[in-house]
């Protein structure tokens, strides 16, 4: 099987050499080169950073008595504890 691969490569090289000009399509491609990879867990790190920023913003608003969308921090905490939106979502998914 290796002989077939070697013969095919030689044949392709001969055909390419028969042309006068080489353009980008006829140049030999080196498959050993690796493309730069995306760092692992990049999306998870980005989500964690955004969540951290949101949490810090919430704490800033809480301790400085600011309102977020006309709701105080205690109202937001009560909404999270009430968990009504998650319950609505669960009931919707069960349909």
PDB file of N, CA and C in Angstrom:
ATOM      1  N   UNK A   1       0.814  -1.179   0.000  1.00  0.00           N
ATOM      2  CA  UNK A   1       0.000   0.000   0.000  1.00  0.00           C
ATOM      3  C   UNK A   1       0.866   1.254   0.000  1.00  0.00           C
ATOM      4  N   UNK A   2       1.985   1.192   0.708  1.00  0.00           N
ATOM      5  CA  UNK A   2       2.895   2.334   0.730  1.00  0.00           C
ATOM      6  C   UNK A   2       3.484   2.593  -0.654  1.00  0.00           C
ATOM      7  N   UNK A   3       3.693   1.510  -1.423  1.00  0.00           N
ATOM      8  CA  UNK A   3       4.233   1.671  -2.777  1.00  0.00           C
ATOM      9  C   UNK A   3       3.263   2.457  -3.659  1.00  0.00           C
ATOM     10  N   UNK A   4       1.969   2.184  -3.495  1.00  0.00           N
ATOM     11  CA  UNK A   4       0.960   2.901  -4.280  1.00  0.00           C
ATOM     12  C   UNK A   4       0.989   4.392  -3.960  1.00  0.00           C
ATOM     13  N   UNK A   5       1.114   4.717  -2.704  1.00  0.00           N
ATOM     14  CA  UNK A   5       1.138   6.117  -2.288  1.00  0.00           C
ATOM     15  C   UNK A   5       2.369   6.817  -2.850  1.00  0.00           C
ATOM     16  N   UNK A   6       3.495   6.151  -2.782  1.00  0.00           N
ATOM     17  CA  UNK A   6       4.743   6.739  -3.288  1.00  0.00           C
ATOM     18  C   UNK A   6       4.657   6.940  -4.800  1.00  0.00           C
ATOM     19  N   UNK A   7       4.111   5.955  -5.511  1.00  0.00           N
ATOM     20  CA  UNK A   7       3.982   6.079  -6.965  1.00  0.00           C
ATOM     21  C   UNK A   7       3.025   7.212  -7.344  1.00  0.00           C
ATOM     22  N   UNK A   8       1.940   7.351  -6.607  1.00  0.00           N
ATOM     23  CA  UNK A   8       0.998   8.443  -6.891  1.00  0.00           C
ATOM     24  C   UNK A   8       1.650   9.798  -6.683  1.00  0.00           C
ATOM     25  N   UNK A   9       2.416   9.919  -5.602  1.00  0.00           N
ATOM     26  CA  UNK A   9       3.100  11.189  -5.340  1.00  0.00           C
ATOM     27  C   UNK A   9       4.100  11.512  -6.440  1.00  0.00           C
ATOM     28  N   UNK A  10       4.833  10.508  -6.884  1.00  0.00           N
ATOM     29  CA  UNK A  10       5.790  10.729  -7.968  1.00  0.00           C
ATOM     30  C   UNK A  10       5.071  11.127  -9.251  1.00  0.00           C
ATOM     31  N   UNK A  11       3.963  10.486  -9.534  1.00  0.00           N
ATOM     32  CA  UNK A  11       3.186  10.807 -10.723  1.00  0.00           C
ATOM     33  C   UNK A  11       2.666  12.248 -10.671  1.00  0.00           C
ATOM     34  N   UNK A  12       2.153  12.644  -9.538  1.00  0.00           N
ATOM     35  CA  UNK A  12       1.650  14.009  -9.376  1.00  0.00           C
ATOM     36  C   UNK A  12       2.791  15.006  -9.547  1.00  0.00           C
ATOM     37  N   UNK A  13       3.966  14.704  -9.012  1.00  0.00           N
ATOM     38  CA  UNK A  13       5.122  15.604  -9.166  1.00  0.00           C
ATOM     39  C   UNK A  13       5.540  15.722 -10.636  1.00  0.00           C
ATOM     40  N   UNK A  14       5.497  14.604 -11.351  1.00  0.00           N
ATOM     41  CA  UNK A  14       5.857  14.637 -12.772  1.00  0.00           C
ATOM     42  C   UNK A  14       4.859  15.481 -13.566  1.00  0.00           C
ATOM     43  N   UNK A  15       3.599  15.322 -13.290  1.00  0.00           N
ATOM     44  CA  UNK A  15       2.572  16.098 -13.992  1.00  0.00           C
ATOM     45  C   UNK A  15       2.740  17.578 -13.693  1.00  0.00           C
ATOM     46  N   UNK A  16       2.978  17.900 -12.448  1.00  0.00           N
ATOM     47  CA  UNK A  16       3.160  19.306 -12.072  1.00  0.00           C
ATOM     48  C   UNK A  16       4.415  19.884 -12.715  1.00  0.00           C
ATOM     49  N   UNK A  17       5.455  19.080 -12.806  1.00  0.00           N
ATOM     50  CA  UNK A  17       6.704  19.553 -13.409  1.00  0.00           C
ATOM     51  C   UNK A  17       6.549  19.759 -14.915  1.00  0.00           C
ATOM     52  N   UNK A  18       5.570  19.101 -15.531  1.00  0.00           N
ATOM     53  CA  UNK A  18       5.393  19.244 -16.973  1.00  0.00           C
ATOM     54  C   UNK A  18       4.821  20.604 -17.359  1.00  0.00           C
ATOM     55  N   UNK A  19       4.203  21.291 -16.427  1.00  0.00           N
ATOM     56  CA  UNK A  19       3.692  22.628 -16.699  1.00  0.00           C
ATOM     57  C   UNK A  19       4.827  23.640 -16.579  1.00  0.00           C
ATOM     58  N   UNK A  20       4.782  24.686 -17.411  1.00  0.00           N
ATOM     59  CA  UNK A  20       5.847  25.688 -17.398  1.00  0.00           C
ATOM     60  C   UNK A  20       5.811  26.558 -16.146  1.00  0.00           C
ATOM     61  N   UNK A  21       4.635  27.040 -15.806  1.00  0.00           N
ATOM     62  CA  UNK A  21       4.511  27.957 -14.666  1.00  0.00           C
ATOM     63  C   UNK A  21       3.761  27.264 -13.543  1.00  0.00           C
ATOM     64  N   UNK A  22       4.234  27.527 -12.347  1.00  0.00           N
ATOM     65  CA  UNK A  22       3.523  27.020 -11.183  1.00  0.00           C
ATOM     66  C   UNK A  22       2.725  28.155 -10.580  1.00  0.00           C
ATOM     67  N   UNK A  23       1.469  27.903 -10.354  1.00  0.00           N
ATOM     68  CA  UNK A  23       0.684  28.886  -9.626  1.00  0.00           C
ATOM     69  C   UNK A  23       0.344  28.305  -8.263  1.00  0.00           C
ATOM     70  N   UNK A  24      -0.445  29.007  -7.505  1.00  0.00           N
ATOM     71  CA  UNK A  24      -0.736  28.592  -6.129  1.00  0.00           C
ATOM     72  C   UNK A  24      -1.438  27.237  -6.056  1.00  0.00           C
ATOM     73  N   UNK A  25      -2.202  26.892  -7.074  1.00  0.00           N
ATOM     74  CA  UNK A  25      -2.936  25.633  -7.035  1.00  0.00           C
ATOM     75  C   UNK A  25      -2.039  24.430  -7.293  1.00  0.00           C
ATOM     76  N   UNK A  26      -0.953  24.620  -8.020  1.00  0.00           N
ATOM     77  CA  UNK A  26      -0.107  23.477  -8.372  1.00  0.00           C
ATOM     78  C   UNK A  26       1.054  23.272  -7.414  1.00  0.00           C
ATOM     79  N   UNK A  27       1.253  24.186  -6.488  1.00  0.00           N
ATOM     80  CA  UNK A  27       2.341  24.001  -5.528  1.00  0.00           C
ATOM     81  C   UNK A  27       1.999  22.851  -4.593  1.00  0.00           C
ATOM     82  N   UNK A  28       3.027  22.166  -4.166  1.00  0.00           N
ATOM     83  CA  UNK A  28       2.817  21.029  -3.292  1.00  0.00           C
ATOM     84  C   UNK A  28       2.401  21.516  -1.906  1.00  0.00           C
ATOM     85  N   UNK A  29       1.416  20.873  -1.385  1.00  0.00           N
ATOM     86  CA  UNK A  29       0.887  21.252  -0.080  1.00  0.00           C
ATOM     87  C   UNK A  29       1.566  20.407   0.983  1.00  0.00           C
ATOM     88  N   UNK A  30       2.053  21.067   1.999  1.00  0.00           N
ATOM     89  CA  UNK A  30       2.682  20.367   3.114  1.00  0.00           C
ATOM     90  C   UNK A  30       1.637  20.185   4.198  1.00  0.00           C
ATOM     91  N   UNK A  31       1.200  18.935   4.380  1.00  0.00           N
ATOM     92  CA  UNK A  31       0.168  18.663   5.356  1.00  0.00           C
ATOM     93  C   UNK A  31       0.719  18.557   6.770  1.00  0.00           C
ATOM     94  N   UNK A  32       2.024  18.615   6.912  1.00  0.00           N
ATOM     95  CA  UNK A  32       2.613  18.530   8.245  1.00  0.00           C
ATOM     96  C   UNK A  32       2.478  19.840   9.009  1.00  0.00           C
ATOM     97  N   UNK A  33       2.295  20.942   8.277  1.00  0.00           N
ATOM     98  CA  UNK A  33       2.140  22.233   8.952  1.00  0.00           C
ATOM     99  C   UNK A  33       0.805  22.244   9.676  1.00  0.00           C
ATOM    100  N   UNK A  34       0.837  22.690  10.895  1.00  0.00           N
ATOM    101  CA  UNK A  34      -0.395  22.757  11.670  1.00  0.00           C
ATOM    102  C   UNK A  34      -0.901  24.183  11.677  1.00  0.00           C
ATOM    103  N   UNK A  35      -2.197  24.311  11.537  1.00  0.00           N
ATOM    104  CA  UNK A  35      -2.808  25.628  11.613  1.00  0.00           C
ATOM    105  C   UNK A  35      -2.851  26.058  13.077  1.00  0.00           C
ATOM    106  N   UNK A  36      -2.788  27.351  13.306  1.00  0.00           N
ATOM    107  CA  UNK A  36      -2.869  27.795  14.699  1.00  0.00           C
ATOM    108  C   UNK A  36      -4.223  27.415  15.300  1.00  0.00           C
ATOM    109  N   UNK A  37      -4.160  26.843  16.457  1.00  0.00           N
ATOM    110  CA  UNK A  37      -5.379  26.366  17.093  1.00  0.00           C
ATOM    111  C   UNK A  37      -5.912  27.411  18.058  1.00  0.00           C
ATOM    112  N   UNK A  38      -7.207  27.364  18.279  1.00  0.00           N
ATOM    113  CA  UNK A  38      -7.831  28.242  19.252  1.00  0.00           C
ATOM    114  C   UNK A  38      -7.464  27.710  20.631  1.00  0.00           C
ATOM    115  N   UNK A  39      -7.051  28.563  21.530  1.00  0.00           N
ATOM    116  CA  UNK A  39      -6.701  28.078  22.864  1.00  0.00           C
ATOM    117  C   UNK A  39      -7.877  27.328  23.500  1.00  0.00           C
ATOM    118  N   UNK A  40      -7.595  26.246  24.188  1.00  0.00           N
ATOM    119  CA  UNK A  40      -8.690  25.478  24.780  1.00  0.00           C
ATOM    120  C   UNK A  40      -9.415  26.275  25.843  1.00  0.00           C
ATOM    121  N   UNK A  41     -10.693  26.038  25.928  1.00  0.00           N
ATOM    122  CA  UNK A  41     -11.571  26.660  26.914  1.00  0.00           C
ATOM    123  C   UNK A  41     -11.638  28.178  26.782  1.00  0.00           C
ATOM    124  N   UNK A  42     -11.395  28.713  25.599  1.00  0.00           N
ATOM    125  CA  UNK A  42     -11.463  30.155  25.403  1.00  0.00           C
ATOM    126  C   UNK A  42     -12.873  30.667  25.664  1.00  0.00           C
ATOM    127  N   UNK A  43     -13.874  29.954  25.152  1.00  0.00           N
ATOM    128  CA  UNK A  43     -15.252  30.382  25.342  1.00  0.00           C
ATOM    129  C   UNK A  43     -15.641  30.319  26.818  1.00  0.00           C
ATOM    130  N   UNK A  44     -15.195  29.295  27.523  1.00  0.00           N
ATOM    131  CA  UNK A  44     -15.516  29.172  28.942  1.00  0.00           C
ATOM    132  C   UNK A  44     -14.860  30.295  29.744  1.00  0.00           C
ATOM    133  N   UNK A  45     -13.628  30.638  29.383  1.00  0.00           N
ATOM    134  CA  UNK A  45     -12.947  31.729  30.074  1.00  0.00           C
ATOM    135  C   UNK A  45     -13.650  33.053  29.817  1.00  0.00           C
ATOM    136  N   UNK A  46     -14.115  33.248  28.596  1.00  0.00           N
ATOM    137  CA  UNK A  46     -14.825  34.474  28.254  1.00  0.00           C
ATOM    138  C   UNK A  46     -16.144  34.572  29.009  1.00  0.00           C
ATOM    139  N   UNK A  47     -16.873  33.473  29.097  1.00  0.00           N
ATOM    140  CA  UNK A  47     -18.140  33.454  29.853  1.00  0.00           C
ATOM    141  C   UNK A  47     -17.888  33.728  31.330  1.00  0.00           C
ATOM    142  N   UNK A  48     -16.838  33.134  31.880  1.00  0.00           N
ATOM    143  CA  UNK A  48     -16.534  33.351  33.284  1.00  0.00           C
ATOM    144  C   UNK A  48     -16.179  34.814  33.542  1.00  0.00           C
ATOM    145  N   UNK A  49     -15.417  35.415  32.640  1.00  0.00           N
ATOM    146  CA  UNK A  49     -15.040  36.818  32.779  1.00  0.00           C
ATOM    147  C   UNK A  49     -16.271  37.725  32.723  1.00  0.00           C
ATOM    148  N   UNK A  50     -17.189  37.450  31.791  1.00  0.00           N
ATOM    149  CA  UNK A  50     -18.422  38.244  31.697  1.00  0.00           C
ATOM    150  C   UNK A  50     -19.274  38.083  32.956  1.00  0.00           C
ATOM    151  N   UNK A  51     -19.376  36.852  33.466  1.00  0.00           N
ATOM    152  CA  UNK A  51     -20.148  36.621  34.686  1.00  0.00           C
ATOM    153  C   UNK A  51     -19.519  37.354  35.864  1.00  0.00           C
ATOM    154  N   UNK A  52     -18.205  37.360  35.932  1.00  0.00           N
ATOM    155  CA  UNK A  52     -17.506  38.063  37.003  1.00  0.00           C
ATOM    156  C   UNK A  52     -17.752  39.565  36.926  1.00  0.00           C
ATOM    157  N   UNK A  53     -17.726  40.113  35.710  1.00  0.00           N
ATOM    158  CA  UNK A  53     -18.010  41.540  35.541  1.00  0.00           C
ATOM    159  C   UNK A  53     -19.436  41.884  35.953  1.00  0.00           C
ATOM    160  N   UNK A  54     -20.385  41.050  35.563  1.00  0.00           N
ATOM    161  CA  UNK A  54     -21.774  41.289  35.951  1.00  0.00           C
ATOM    162  C   UNK A  54     -21.947  41.219  37.463  1.00  0.00           C
ATOM    163  N   UNK A  55     -21.307  40.262  38.096  1.00  0.00           N
ATOM    164  CA  UNK A  55     -21.410  40.122  39.545  1.00  0.00           C
ATOM    165  C   UNK A  55     -20.792  41.321  40.257  1.00  0.00           C
ATOM    166  N   UNK A  56     -19.630  41.758  39.783  1.00  0.00           N
ATOM    167  CA  UNK A  56     -18.999  42.939  40.384  1.00  0.00           C
ATOM    168  C   UNK A  56     -19.863  44.183  40.194  1.00  0.00           C
ATOM    169  N   UNK A  57     -20.486  44.300  39.022  1.00  0.00           N
ATOM    170  CA  UNK A  57     -21.398  45.419  38.780  1.00  0.00           C
ATOM    171  C   UNK A  57     -22.597  45.366  39.704  1.00  0.00           C
ATOM    172  N   UNK A  58     -23.122  44.161  39.946  1.00  0.00           N
ATOM    173  CA  UNK A  58     -24.252  44.016  40.866  1.00  0.00           C
ATOM    174  C   UNK A  58     -23.853  44.404  42.287  1.00  0.00           C
ATOM    175  N   UNK A  59     -22.687  43.943  42.721  1.00  0.00           N
ATOM    176  CA  UNK A  59     -22.233  44.302  44.072  1.00  0.00           C
ATOM    177  C   UNK A  59     -22.011  45.803  44.197  1.00  0.00           C
ATOM    178  N   UNK A  60     -21.472  46.418  43.161  1.00  0.00           N
ATOM    179  CA  UNK A  60     -21.276  47.871  43.172  1.00  0.00           C
ATOM    180  C   UNK A  60     -22.612  48.596  43.327  1.00  0.00           C
ATOM    181  N   UNK A  61     -23.605  48.160  42.566  1.00  0.00           N
ATOM    182  CA  UNK A  61     -24.930  48.790  42.655  1.00  0.00           C
ATOM    183  C   UNK A  61     -25.587  48.521  44.006  1.00  0.00           C
ATOM    184  N   UNK A  62     -25.365  47.344  44.556  1.00  0.00           N
ATOM    185  CA  UNK A  62     -25.978  47.006  45.839  1.00  0.00           C
ATOM    186  C   UNK A  62     -25.422  47.881  46.954  1.00  0.00           C
ATOM    187  N   UNK A  63     -24.110  48.011  47.029  1.00  0.00           N
ATOM    188  CA  UNK A  63     -23.504  48.736  48.143  1.00  0.00           C
ATOM    189  C   UNK A  63     -23.534  50.248  47.962  1.00  0.00           C
ATOM    190  N   UNK A  64     -23.859  50.729  46.777  1.00  0.00           N
ATOM    191  CA  UNK A  64     -23.980  52.161  46.563  1.00  0.00           C
ATOM    192  C   UNK A  64     -25.431  52.592  46.372  1.00  0.00           C
ATOM    193  N   UNK A  65     -26.358  51.692  46.617  1.00  0.00           N
ATOM    194  CA  UNK A  65     -27.806  51.949  46.557  1.00  0.00           C
ATOM    195  C   UNK A  65     -28.255  52.451  45.189  1.00  0.00           C
ATOM    196  N   UNK A  66     -27.690  51.899  44.129  1.00  0.00           N
ATOM    197  CA  UNK A  66     -28.152  52.216  42.786  1.00  0.00           C
ATOM    198  C   UNK A  66     -29.239  51.230  42.391  1.00  0.00           C
ATOM    199  N   UNK A  67     -30.029  51.621  41.414  1.00  0.00           N
ATOM    200  CA  UNK A  67     -31.067  50.730  40.904  1.00  0.00           C
ATOM    201  C   UNK A  67     -30.683  50.235  39.517  1.00  0.00           C
ATOM    202  N   UNK A  68     -31.035  48.994  39.256  1.00  0.00           N
ATOM    203  CA  UNK A  68     -30.769  48.385  37.955  1.00  0.00           C
ATOM    204  C   UNK A  68     -32.115  48.187  37.276  1.00  0.00           C
ATOM    205  N   UNK A  69     -32.335  48.877  36.173  1.00  0.00           N
ATOM    206  CA  UNK A  69     -33.605  48.822  35.450  1.00  0.00           C
ATOM    207  C   UNK A  69     -34.781  49.072  36.397  1.00  0.00           C
ATOM    208  N   UNK A  70     -34.644  50.085  37.201  1.00  0.00           N
ATOM    209  CA  UNK A  70     -35.658  50.527  38.162  1.00  0.00           C
ATOM    210  C   UNK A  70     -36.012  49.458  39.191  1.00  0.00           C
ATOM    211  N   UNK A  71     -35.079  48.588  39.490  1.00  0.00           N
ATOM    212  CA  UNK A  71     -35.268  47.575  40.534  1.00  0.00           C
ATOM    213  C   UNK A  71     -34.098  47.667  41.490  1.00  0.00           C
ATOM    214  N   UNK A  72     -34.402  47.607  42.769  1.00  0.00           N
ATOM    215  CA  UNK A  72     -33.335  47.646  43.764  1.00  0.00           C
ATOM    216  C   UNK A  72     -32.670  46.274  43.856  1.00  0.00           C
ATOM    217  N   UNK A  73     -31.544  46.240  44.509  1.00  0.00           N
ATOM    218  CA  UNK A  73     -30.819  44.970  44.619  1.00  0.00           C
ATOM    219  C   UNK A  73     -31.598  43.957  45.453  1.00  0.00           C
ATOM    220  N   UNK A  74     -32.318  44.409  46.453  1.00  0.00           N
ATOM    221  CA  UNK A  74     -33.115  43.464  47.262  1.00  0.00           C
ATOM    222  C   UNK A  74     -34.238  42.851  46.426  1.00  0.00           C
ATOM    223  N   UNK A  75     -34.849  43.633  45.524  1.00  0.00           N
ATOM    224  CA  UNK A  75     -35.888  43.082  44.648  1.00  0.00           C
ATOM    225  C   UNK A  75     -35.299  42.037  43.696  1.00  0.00           C
ATOM    226  N   UNK A  76     -34.111  42.303  43.208  1.00  0.00           N
ATOM    227  CA  UNK A  76     -33.461  41.351  42.303  1.00  0.00           C
ATOM    228  C   UNK A  76     -33.119  40.066  43.042  1.00  0.00           C
ATOM    229  N   UNK A  77     -32.626  40.194  44.269  1.00  0.00           N
ATOM    230  CA  UNK A  77     -32.308  39.002  45.072  1.00  0.00           C
ATOM    231  C   UNK A  77     -33.570  38.211  45.357  1.00  0.00           C
ATOM    232  N   UNK A  78     -34.681  38.892  45.670  1.00  0.00           N
ATOM    233  CA  UNK A  78     -35.948  38.199  45.912  1.00  0.00           C
ATOM    234  C   UNK A  78     -36.445  37.484  44.653  1.00  0.00           C
ATOM    235  N   UNK A  79     -36.260  38.116  43.495  1.00  0.00           N
ATOM    236  CA  UNK A  79     -36.666  37.456  42.242  1.00  0.00           C
ATOM    237  C   UNK A  79     -35.853  36.184  42.003  1.00  0.00           C
ATOM    238  N   UNK A  80     -34.577  36.232  42.329  1.00  0.00           N
ATOM    239  CA  UNK A  80     -33.733  35.047  42.144  1.00  0.00           C
ATOM    240  C   UNK A  80     -34.134  33.960  43.132  1.00  0.00           C
ATOM    241  N   UNK A  81     -34.401  34.351  44.367  1.00  0.00           N
ATOM    242  CA  UNK A  81     -34.819  33.363  45.369  1.00  0.00           C
ATOM    243  C   UNK A  81     -36.177  32.763  45.045  1.00  0.00           C
ATOM    244  N   UNK A  82     -37.064  33.589  44.509  1.00  0.00           N
ATOM    245  CA  UNK A  82     -38.411  33.128  44.169  1.00  0.00           C
ATOM    246  C   UNK A  82     -38.358  32.073  43.079  1.00  0.00           C
ATOM    247  N   UNK A  83     -37.432  32.235  42.153  1.00  0.00           N
ATOM    248  CA  UNK A  83     -37.196  31.240  41.112  1.00  0.00           C
ATOM    249  C   UNK A  83     -38.399  31.043  40.199  1.00  0.00           C
ATOM    250  N   UNK A  84     -39.246  32.066  40.069  1.00  0.00           N
ATOM    251  CA  UNK A  84     -40.460  31.915  39.277  1.00  0.00           C
ATOM    252  C   UNK A  84     -40.185  31.759  37.788  1.00  0.00           C
ATOM    253  N   UNK A  85     -39.148  32.420  37.287  1.00  0.00           N
ATOM    254  CA  UNK A  85     -38.877  32.346  35.860  1.00  0.00           C
ATOM    255  C   UNK A  85     -38.367  30.964  35.466  1.00  0.00           C
ATOM    256  N   UNK A  86     -37.608  30.331  36.337  1.00  0.00           N
ATOM    257  CA  UNK A  86     -37.150  28.977  36.060  1.00  0.00           C
ATOM    258  C   UNK A  86     -38.328  28.009  36.065  1.00  0.00           C
ATOM    259  N   UNK A  87     -39.259  28.216  36.975  1.00  0.00           N
ATOM    260  CA  UNK A  87     -40.447  27.365  37.033  1.00  0.00           C
ATOM    261  C   UNK A  87     -41.287  27.533  35.775  1.00  0.00           C
ATOM    262  N   UNK A  88     -41.440  28.770  35.304  1.00  0.00           N
ATOM    263  CA  UNK A  88     -42.175  28.995  34.058  1.00  0.00           C
ATOM    264  C   UNK A  88     -41.486  28.293  32.900  1.00  0.00           C
ATOM    265  N   UNK A  89     -40.178  28.347  32.873  1.00  0.00           N
ATOM    266  CA  UNK A  89     -39.418  27.700  31.806  1.00  0.00           C
ATOM    267  C   UNK A  89     -39.576  26.186  31.874  1.00  0.00           C
ATOM    268  N   UNK A  90     -39.540  25.631  33.074  1.00  0.00           N
ATOM    269  CA  UNK A  90     -39.722  24.181  33.225  1.00  0.00           C
ATOM    270  C   UNK A  90     -41.102  23.751  32.731  1.00  0.00           C
ATOM    271  N   UNK A  91     -42.134  24.505  33.106  1.00  0.00           N
ATOM    272  CA  UNK A  91     -43.479  24.160  32.678  1.00  0.00           C
ATOM    273  C   UNK A  91     -43.622  24.298  31.157  1.00  0.00           C
ATOM    274  N   UNK A  92     -42.973  25.263  30.572  1.00  0.00           N
ATOM    275  CA  UNK A  92     -43.039  25.451  29.127  1.00  0.00           C
ATOM    276  C   UNK A  92     -42.361  24.289  28.391  1.00  0.00           C
ATOM    277  N   UNK A  93     -41.242  23.839  28.916  1.00  0.00           N
ATOM    278  CA  UNK A  93     -40.506  22.759  28.281  1.00  0.00           C
ATOM    279  C   UNK A  93     -41.269  21.436  28.415  1.00  0.00           C
ATOM    280  N   UNK A  94     -41.986  21.246  29.513  1.00  0.00           N
ATOM    281  CA  UNK A  94     -42.728  20.009  29.728  1.00  0.00           C
ATOM    282  C   UNK A  94     -43.933  19.883  28.807  1.00  0.00           C
ATOM    283  N   UNK A  95     -44.387  20.979  28.233  1.00  0.00           N
ATOM    284  CA  UNK A  95     -45.550  20.900  27.344  1.00  0.00           C
ATOM    285  C   UNK A  95     -45.239  19.978  26.235  1.00  0.00           C
TER     286      UNK A  95
END
